[in-house]
Protein backbone atom coordinates (compact mmCIF):
# COMPACT_ATOMS: atom_id res chain seq x y z
CA MET A 1 21.39 -22.83 18.08
CA SER A 2 21.67 -20.04 20.63
CA LYS A 3 21.36 -19.95 24.38
CA ARG A 4 21.40 -16.20 24.74
CA PRO A 5 19.66 -14.64 27.73
CA ASP A 6 17.87 -11.39 27.30
CA ASP A 7 16.62 -8.70 29.60
CA ILE A 8 13.08 -7.51 29.47
CA ASP A 9 12.17 -4.03 30.61
CA GLU A 10 11.23 -4.05 34.27
CA SER A 11 7.74 -2.71 33.85
CA SER A 12 4.85 -4.71 35.22
CA ALA A 13 1.38 -3.43 35.80
CA PRO A 14 -1.99 -4.88 36.76
CA LEU A 15 -4.41 -5.77 33.99
CA ILE A 16 -6.60 -2.75 34.74
CA GLU A 17 -3.65 -0.44 34.13
CA HIS A 18 -2.92 -2.13 30.80
CA LEU A 19 -6.53 -1.71 29.75
CA ALA A 20 -6.46 1.95 30.77
CA GLU A 21 -3.27 2.40 28.78
CA LEU A 22 -4.85 0.73 25.75
CA ARG A 23 -7.89 2.98 26.01
CA SER A 24 -5.68 6.06 26.16
CA ARG A 25 -3.69 4.97 23.10
CA LEU A 26 -6.88 4.21 21.16
CA ILE A 27 -8.35 7.59 22.05
CA TRP A 28 -5.25 9.43 20.84
CA SER A 29 -5.26 7.36 17.62
CA VAL A 30 -8.92 8.09 16.94
CA LEU A 31 -8.46 11.80 17.66
CA ALA A 32 -5.51 11.94 15.27
CA PHE A 33 -7.55 10.19 12.56
CA VAL A 34 -10.57 12.47 13.06
CA ALA A 35 -8.42 15.62 12.99
CA ALA A 36 -6.60 14.46 9.85
CA ALA A 37 -9.89 13.48 8.17
CA ILE A 38 -11.40 16.91 8.91
CA LEU A 39 -8.32 18.58 7.45
CA CYS A 40 -8.52 16.44 4.31
CA TYR A 41 -12.24 17.19 3.97
CA PHE A 42 -11.53 20.90 3.58
CA VAL A 43 -8.91 20.25 0.90
CA TRP A 44 -10.65 17.35 -0.83
CA GLN A 45 -10.81 19.10 -4.20
CA PRO A 46 -7.02 19.69 -4.57
CA VAL A 47 -6.46 16.09 -3.45
CA PHE A 48 -8.98 14.86 -6.02
CA ASN A 49 -7.24 16.93 -8.71
CA VAL A 50 -3.98 15.15 -7.90
CA LEU A 51 -5.70 11.75 -8.02
CA THR A 52 -7.13 12.52 -11.47
CA HIS A 53 -3.73 13.19 -13.08
CA PRO A 54 -3.36 9.59 -14.37
CA ILE A 55 -6.73 9.53 -16.14
CA CYS A 56 -6.40 13.11 -17.38
CA GLY A 57 -2.96 12.32 -18.80
CA ALA A 58 -4.30 9.22 -20.59
CA LEU A 59 -7.18 11.25 -22.06
CA ALA A 60 -4.88 14.10 -23.09
CA ARG A 61 -2.70 11.66 -25.04
CA ARG A 62 -5.83 10.85 -27.07
CA GLY A 63 -6.79 14.48 -27.55
CA GLN A 64 -9.80 14.19 -25.25
CA GLU A 65 -11.04 16.53 -22.56
CA CYS A 66 -10.76 15.30 -18.98
CA GLY A 67 -14.07 15.25 -17.14
CA LEU A 68 -15.84 12.97 -14.70
CA ILE A 69 -19.55 13.08 -13.94
CA MET A 70 -21.82 12.67 -10.92
CA LEU A 71 -24.36 9.91 -11.54
CA LYS A 72 -26.17 10.68 -8.26
CA VAL A 73 -26.92 14.00 -6.64
CA GLN A 74 -25.14 12.99 -3.40
CA GLU A 75 -22.11 11.53 -5.18
CA GLY A 76 -20.02 14.69 -4.72
CA PHE A 77 -20.48 14.60 -0.95
CA PHE A 78 -19.54 10.93 -0.73
CA LEU A 79 -16.51 11.70 -2.88
CA ALA A 80 -15.36 14.31 -0.37
CA MET A 81 -15.95 11.88 2.52
CA HIS A 82 -14.04 9.11 0.73
CA ILE A 83 -11.05 11.40 0.25
CA ALA A 84 -11.30 12.60 3.85
CA MET A 85 -11.18 9.01 5.19
CA PHE A 86 -8.47 7.91 2.78
CA GLY A 87 -6.26 10.94 3.38
CA GLY A 88 -7.02 11.02 7.10
CA PHE A 89 -5.74 7.49 7.60
CA ILE A 90 -2.54 8.20 5.66
CA LEU A 91 -1.84 11.43 7.56
CA ALA A 92 -2.67 9.90 10.94
CA PHE A 93 -0.68 6.71 10.36
CA PRO A 94 2.53 8.03 12.02
CA VAL A 95 0.57 8.95 15.15
CA ILE A 96 -1.27 5.61 15.16
CA ALA A 97 2.02 3.73 14.73
CA TYR A 98 3.61 5.74 17.54
CA GLN A 99 0.71 4.98 19.89
CA LEU A 100 0.96 1.29 19.00
CA TRP A 101 4.69 1.39 19.72
CA ARG A 102 4.17 3.12 23.06
CA PHE A 103 1.66 0.45 24.08
CA ILE A 104 3.71 -2.64 23.18
CA ALA A 105 7.21 -1.27 23.97
CA PRO A 106 7.12 -1.99 27.73
CA GLY A 107 6.51 -5.69 27.02
CA LEU A 108 9.40 -6.08 24.59
CA TYR A 109 12.92 -7.24 25.28
CA ARG A 110 15.54 -4.57 24.81
CA SER A 111 16.93 -6.36 21.76
CA GLU A 112 13.39 -6.63 20.33
CA LYS A 113 12.95 -2.87 20.76
CA GLN A 114 16.12 -2.22 18.81
CA ALA A 115 14.93 -4.61 16.10
CA PHE A 116 11.38 -3.25 15.88
CA LEU A 117 12.08 0.47 15.58
CA PRO A 118 13.81 0.37 12.15
CA PHE A 119 10.89 -1.59 10.73
CA LEU A 120 8.44 0.90 12.19
CA ILE A 121 10.21 3.55 10.10
CA ALA A 122 10.67 1.37 7.02
CA SER A 123 7.00 0.40 6.80
CA PRO A 124 5.59 3.84 5.81
CA VAL A 125 8.56 4.43 3.51
CA MET A 126 7.88 1.18 1.63
CA PHE A 127 4.16 1.97 1.51
CA LEU A 128 4.97 5.35 -0.04
CA LEU A 129 7.23 3.68 -2.62
CA GLY A 130 4.50 1.19 -3.53
CA ALA A 131 1.83 3.89 -3.75
CA SER A 132 4.11 6.02 -5.93
CA PHE A 133 4.82 3.04 -8.18
CA ALA A 134 1.09 2.52 -8.66
CA TYR A 135 0.38 6.23 -9.22
CA PHE A 136 3.18 7.02 -11.66
CA ILE A 137 3.55 3.71 -13.53
CA ILE A 138 0.70 1.24 -13.15
CA LEU A 139 -2.29 3.59 -13.24
CA PRO A 140 -1.25 5.34 -16.49
CA TRP A 141 -0.76 1.94 -18.13
CA ALA A 142 -4.09 0.70 -16.81
CA PHE A 143 -6.03 3.70 -18.08
CA ASP A 144 -4.28 3.56 -21.45
CA PHE A 145 -5.41 -0.07 -21.70
CA PHE A 146 -9.02 0.61 -20.72
CA LEU A 147 -9.38 3.72 -22.89
CA GLY A 148 -8.12 1.72 -25.85
CA PHE A 149 -11.59 0.13 -26.08
CA GLN A 150 -13.10 3.44 -27.18
CA SER A 151 -14.25 3.60 -30.77
CA GLY A 152 -15.80 6.06 -33.14
CA PRO A 153 -15.59 9.86 -32.64
CA LEU A 154 -13.99 10.51 -29.26
CA VAL A 155 -16.50 13.22 -28.33
CA LEU A 156 -19.89 13.05 -26.66
CA PRO A 157 -23.02 13.46 -28.82
CA ASP A 158 -23.95 16.77 -27.17
CA ASP A 159 -20.44 18.20 -27.60
CA PRO A 160 -20.38 21.19 -30.00
CA ALA A 161 -17.27 19.67 -31.55
CA ALA A 162 -19.11 16.47 -32.42
CA PRO A 163 -19.25 15.82 -36.18
CA VAL A 164 -22.58 16.13 -37.97
CA VAL A 165 -23.81 12.67 -38.92
CA THR A 166 -25.66 12.59 -42.23
CA GLU A 167 -25.95 8.82 -42.60
CA PRO A 168 -26.56 5.97 -40.12
CA LYS A 169 -23.43 4.71 -38.44
CA MET A 170 -22.57 2.36 -35.61
CA ALA A 171 -22.70 3.84 -32.13
CA GLY A 172 -19.40 5.14 -30.81
CA ILE A 173 -17.89 4.16 -27.47
CA VAL A 174 -16.69 7.18 -25.50
CA PHE A 175 -15.43 7.32 -21.91
CA GLN A 176 -17.76 9.20 -19.57
CA GLY A 177 -16.57 8.19 -16.14
CA SER A 178 -18.21 8.37 -12.74
CA ILE A 179 -16.21 10.18 -10.06
CA ALA A 180 -17.12 7.52 -7.48
CA GLU A 181 -16.03 4.60 -9.68
CA TYR A 182 -12.81 6.34 -10.66
CA LEU A 183 -11.86 7.22 -7.08
CA SER A 184 -12.65 3.69 -5.88
CA LEU A 185 -10.46 2.14 -8.59
CA THR A 186 -7.57 4.55 -8.02
CA THR A 187 -7.47 4.20 -4.23
CA LYS A 188 -7.68 0.39 -4.53
CA PHE A 189 -4.64 0.39 -6.80
CA ILE A 190 -2.67 2.69 -4.50
CA LEU A 191 -3.52 0.70 -1.37
CA ALA A 192 -2.87 -2.66 -3.06
CA PHE A 193 0.59 -1.67 -4.25
CA GLY A 194 1.40 0.08 -0.99
CA MET A 195 0.55 -3.07 0.96
CA SER A 196 2.44 -5.28 -1.52
CA PHE A 197 5.60 -3.30 -0.84
CA GLN A 198 5.32 -4.28 2.83
CA LEU A 199 6.46 -7.80 1.91
CA PRO A 200 10.20 -7.34 2.58
CA VAL A 201 9.48 -5.41 5.78
CA ALA A 202 7.20 -8.16 7.12
CA LEU A 203 9.46 -11.05 6.12
CA THR A 204 12.60 -9.38 7.45
CA LEU A 205 10.89 -8.59 10.76
CA MET A 206 9.75 -12.21 10.99
CA GLY A 207 13.31 -13.30 10.26
CA LYS A 208 14.58 -11.00 13.01
CA ALA A 209 12.14 -12.61 15.41
CA GLY A 210 13.20 -16.10 14.30
CA LEU A 211 9.80 -16.98 12.85
CA VAL A 212 11.19 -17.60 9.34
CA SER A 213 14.61 -18.46 7.96
CA ALA A 214 16.36 -17.65 4.70
CA ALA A 215 16.54 -21.34 3.84
CA GLY A 216 12.83 -21.76 4.52
CA LEU A 217 11.91 -18.79 2.34
CA ALA A 218 14.17 -20.04 -0.44
CA SER A 219 12.53 -23.48 -0.35
CA MET A 220 9.11 -21.81 -0.76
CA ARG A 221 10.01 -20.01 -3.98
CA ARG A 222 7.75 -22.11 -6.21
CA TYR A 223 4.75 -21.43 -3.99
CA ALA A 224 5.66 -17.76 -3.74
CA VAL A 225 5.71 -17.52 -7.54
CA VAL A 226 2.17 -18.92 -7.77
CA LEU A 227 0.83 -16.64 -5.03
CA ILE A 228 2.46 -13.56 -6.54
CA LEU A 229 1.04 -14.40 -9.98
CA VAL A 230 -2.44 -14.71 -8.47
CA LEU A 231 -2.00 -11.42 -6.62
CA ALA A 232 -0.79 -9.67 -9.78
CA ALA A 233 -3.82 -10.94 -11.71
CA MET A 234 -6.20 -9.77 -8.97
CA VAL A 235 -4.95 -6.21 -8.37
CA THR A 236 -4.07 -5.24 -11.94
CA PRO A 237 -6.27 -4.82 -15.01
CA PRO A 238 -6.34 -7.54 -17.67
CA ASP A 239 -3.15 -6.10 -19.12
CA VAL A 240 -0.31 -8.60 -19.43
CA ILE A 241 2.36 -5.90 -19.29
CA SER A 242 1.21 -4.42 -15.96
CA GLN A 243 0.77 -7.91 -14.50
CA ILE A 244 4.31 -8.84 -15.49
CA VAL A 245 5.64 -5.59 -14.02
CA LEU A 246 3.86 -6.17 -10.70
CA PHE A 247 5.00 -9.80 -10.55
CA THR A 248 8.60 -8.78 -11.28
CA VAL A 249 8.56 -6.09 -8.59
CA ILE A 250 6.99 -8.23 -5.85
CA TYR A 251 9.14 -11.27 -6.63
CA SER A 252 12.23 -9.05 -6.56
CA LEU A 253 11.14 -7.82 -3.12
CA TYR A 254 10.75 -11.45 -2.04
CA GLU A 255 14.32 -12.22 -3.12
CA ILE A 256 15.57 -9.08 -1.39
CA ALA A 257 13.81 -10.22 1.80
CA ILE A 258 15.61 -13.59 1.59
CA GLN A 259 18.97 -11.83 1.39
CA LEU A 260 18.09 -9.51 4.28
CA VAL A 261 17.04 -12.46 6.46
CA LYS A 262 20.26 -14.25 5.52
CA ARG A 263 22.31 -11.22 6.59
CA ILE A 264 20.43 -11.08 9.90
CA GLU A 265 21.12 -14.76 10.53
CA THR A 266 24.82 -14.39 9.66
CA ARG A 267 25.21 -11.37 11.94
CA ARG A 268 23.34 -13.07 14.79
CA GLU A 269 25.51 -16.19 14.50
CA ALA A 270 28.71 -14.11 14.47
CA GLU A 271 27.64 -12.19 17.59
CA LEU A 272 26.73 -15.34 19.47
CA ARG A 273 29.97 -17.09 18.48
CA ALA A 274 31.94 -14.09 19.73
CA GLU A 275 30.14 -14.32 23.08
CA GLY A 276 30.52 -18.10 23.25
CA LEU A 277 26.76 -18.60 23.26
CA TRP A 278 26.42 -20.42 19.94
CA VAL A 279 26.09 -24.21 19.92
CA ASP A 280 26.52 -25.99 16.57
CA ASP A 281 23.75 -28.44 15.77
CA ASP A 282 24.89 -32.04 15.32
């Protein structure tokens, strides 16, 4: 156990000043989000084109044209707003995180500041890795799985290329997707995988703060396996391969987090022993 003193920043202020500071930080965060959302609204179509690459690639591999339809007259507008909100939050996240840091920093110990900053940087990096994993790997697999349920001629009845039917046949099943449903599914996948990749960041930060230990995380492996399996089944399509991939990735991140927490504990113990502040438990 340790008996290490720490120095907190000498910054005290009345409650009214803290509330004023919080209001200022919230205003800057909201302004950053609104500005980013407006920017994304004016470029929503190029962003949507990027988001449609997974489905267009899956259709192209089947020799089908890539096209999504509007089921409602206002669906295009809501599509643009959805992209504006989604992209605005992602673009404004660094500003929001900075404002959060500026608000809580005066109340942190100096050692806690040094510990928190690397995780503040690692969090968006890990989110980007998770989102990229979903975009480039999981989504193509998911759409290949779903499109595999098509049957019959893979063209719409009103398509000039549709074959002339001279005898009764069973109805074909052809994908004719809604832009709203597609965007909702795609953004859910990206956000789910981005948040899943926050696991090592969160656990390592908790280990740095002494809230969890490597031994405790290791003893919870069996429960972690069950929770990760449930998560993989919830955020992936009913495709065993993609579920196994997600489980493998998240469980690997869990094991990495255990090793990172163990390194933090070893380094902390070595520092405290060198300063004569470590007391061995009986």
